[in-house]
Amino acid sequence: MKKYKLFTDIEESYNELVHKVSWPTRSELVNSTIVVMVASIIAALLVWLIDIILNFVMTHLYHLAS
């Protein structure tokens, strides 16, 4: 019986995920998650700060023009 390419691809993907991929330990996963969360919060705070500064500058520029 001829196997369809889709089934062959699924089987190969499964075998690679089970036998070849090195999965992180729970502590590595938790540490990585914390790093990503902290980096995301810092990035959000920087964007917020830039938004506040640009809002302040643009408000003053528009008041000078009018």
C-alpha atoms as a PDB file:
ATOM      1  CA  MET A   1       0.000   0.000   0.000  1.00  0.00           C
ATOM      2  CA  LYS A   2       1.331   3.408  -0.976  1.00  0.00           C
ATOM      3  CA  LYS A   3       1.694   5.962   1.826  1.00  0.00           C
ATOM      4  CA  TYR A   4       0.540   9.464   1.103  1.00  0.00           C
ATOM      5  CA  LYS A   5       3.122  12.233   1.508  1.00  0.00           C
ATOM      6  CA  LEU A   6       1.057  13.948   4.205  1.00  0.00           C
ATOM      7  CA  PHE A   7       1.086  10.846   6.401  1.00  0.00           C
ATOM      8  CA  THR A   8       4.819  10.408   5.839  1.00  0.00           C
ATOM      9  CA  ASP A   9       5.446  14.037   6.804  1.00  0.00           C
ATOM     10  CA  ILE A  10       3.352  13.701   9.968  1.00  0.00           C
ATOM     11  CA  GLU A  11       5.153  10.508  10.957  1.00  0.00           C
ATOM     12  CA  GLU A  12       8.576  12.062  10.366  1.00  0.00           C
ATOM     13  CA  SER A  13       7.618  15.189  12.322  1.00  0.00           C
ATOM     14  CA  TYR A  14       6.410  13.070  15.230  1.00  0.00           C
ATOM     15  CA  ASN A  15       9.597  10.995  15.257  1.00  0.00           C
ATOM     16  CA  GLU A  16      11.744  14.121  15.188  1.00  0.00           C
ATOM     17  CA  LEU A  17       9.805  15.718  18.062  1.00  0.00           C
ATOM     18  CA  VAL A  18      10.003  12.567  20.179  1.00  0.00           C
ATOM     19  CA  HIS A  19      13.544  11.387  19.450  1.00  0.00           C
ATOM     20  CA  LYS A  20      15.643  14.345  18.251  1.00  0.00           C
ATOM     21  CA  VAL A  21      14.386  17.474  20.005  1.00  0.00           C
ATOM     22  CA  SER A  22      15.968  18.305  23.346  1.00  0.00           C
ATOM     23  CA  TRP A  23      13.210  19.713  25.525  1.00  0.00           C
ATOM     24  CA  PRO A  24      14.064  22.143  28.348  1.00  0.00           C
ATOM     25  CA  THR A  25      13.661  21.125  31.948  1.00  0.00           C
ATOM     26  CA  ARG A  26      10.882  22.682  33.984  1.00  0.00           C
ATOM     27  CA  SER A  27      13.289  25.028  35.785  1.00  0.00           C
ATOM     28  CA  GLU A  28      14.840  26.147  32.477  1.00  0.00           C
ATOM     29  CA  LEU A  29      11.368  26.801  31.100  1.00  0.00           C
ATOM     30  CA  VAL A  30      10.338  28.810  34.176  1.00  0.00           C
ATOM     31  CA  ASN A  31      13.552  30.854  34.049  1.00  0.00           C
ATOM     32  CA  SER A  32      13.117  31.577  30.347  1.00  0.00           C
ATOM     33  CA  THR A  33       9.500  32.582  30.913  1.00  0.00           C
ATOM     34  CA  ILE A  34      10.513  35.001  33.662  1.00  0.00           C
ATOM     35  CA  VAL A  35      13.193  36.544  31.434  1.00  0.00           C
ATOM     36  CA  VAL A  36      10.677  37.030  28.618  1.00  0.00           C
ATOM     37  CA  MET A  37       8.099  38.554  30.983  1.00  0.00           C
ATOM     38  CA  VAL A  38      10.621  40.998  32.475  1.00  0.00           C
ATOM     39  CA  ALA A  39      11.887  41.971  29.020  1.00  0.00           C
ATOM     40  CA  SER A  40       8.298  42.506  27.830  1.00  0.00           C
ATOM     41  CA  ILE A  41       7.497  44.717  30.810  1.00  0.00           C
ATOM     42  CA  ILE A  42      10.656  46.779  30.262  1.00  0.00           C
ATOM     43  CA  ALA A  43       9.862  47.178  26.557  1.00  0.00           C
ATOM     44  CA  ALA A  44       6.271  48.212  27.370  1.00  0.00           C
ATOM     45  CA  LEU A  45       7.498  50.769  29.909  1.00  0.00           C
ATOM     46  CA  LEU A  46       9.959  52.210  27.387  1.00  0.00           C
ATOM     47  CA  VAL A  47       7.242  52.547  24.741  1.00  0.00           C
ATOM     48  CA  TRP A  48       4.931  54.156  27.322  1.00  0.00           C
ATOM     49  CA  LEU A  49       7.671  56.595  28.362  1.00  0.00           C
ATOM     50  CA  ILE A  50       8.421  57.542  24.757  1.00  0.00           C
ATOM     51  CA  ASP A  51       4.685  58.050  24.166  1.00  0.00           C
ATOM     52  CA  ILE A  52       4.422  60.371  27.199  1.00  0.00           C
ATOM     53  CA  ILE A  53       7.466  62.378  26.091  1.00  0.00           C
ATOM     54  CA  LEU A  54       6.291  62.711  22.488  1.00  0.00           C
ATOM     55  CA  ASN A  55       2.800  63.673  23.650  1.00  0.00           C
ATOM     56  CA  PHE A  56       4.302  66.388  25.856  1.00  0.00           C
ATOM     57  CA  VAL A  57       6.526  67.702  23.042  1.00  0.00           C
ATOM     58  CA  MET A  58       3.762  67.680  20.426  1.00  0.00           C
ATOM     59  CA  THR A  59       1.290  69.382  22.777  1.00  0.00           C
ATOM     60  CA  HIS A  60       3.760  72.203  23.418  1.00  0.00           C
ATOM     61  CA  LEU A  61       4.646  72.515  19.724  1.00  0.00           C
ATOM     62  CA  TYR A  62       0.959  72.816  18.770  1.00  0.00           C
ATOM     63  CA  HIS A  63       0.391  75.433  21.441  1.00  0.00           C
ATOM     64  CA  LEU A  64       3.330  77.462  20.111  1.00  0.00           C
ATOM     65  CA  ALA A  65       1.944  77.301  16.562  1.00  0.00           C
ATOM     66  CA  SER A  66      -1.524  78.530  17.502  1.00  0.00           C
END
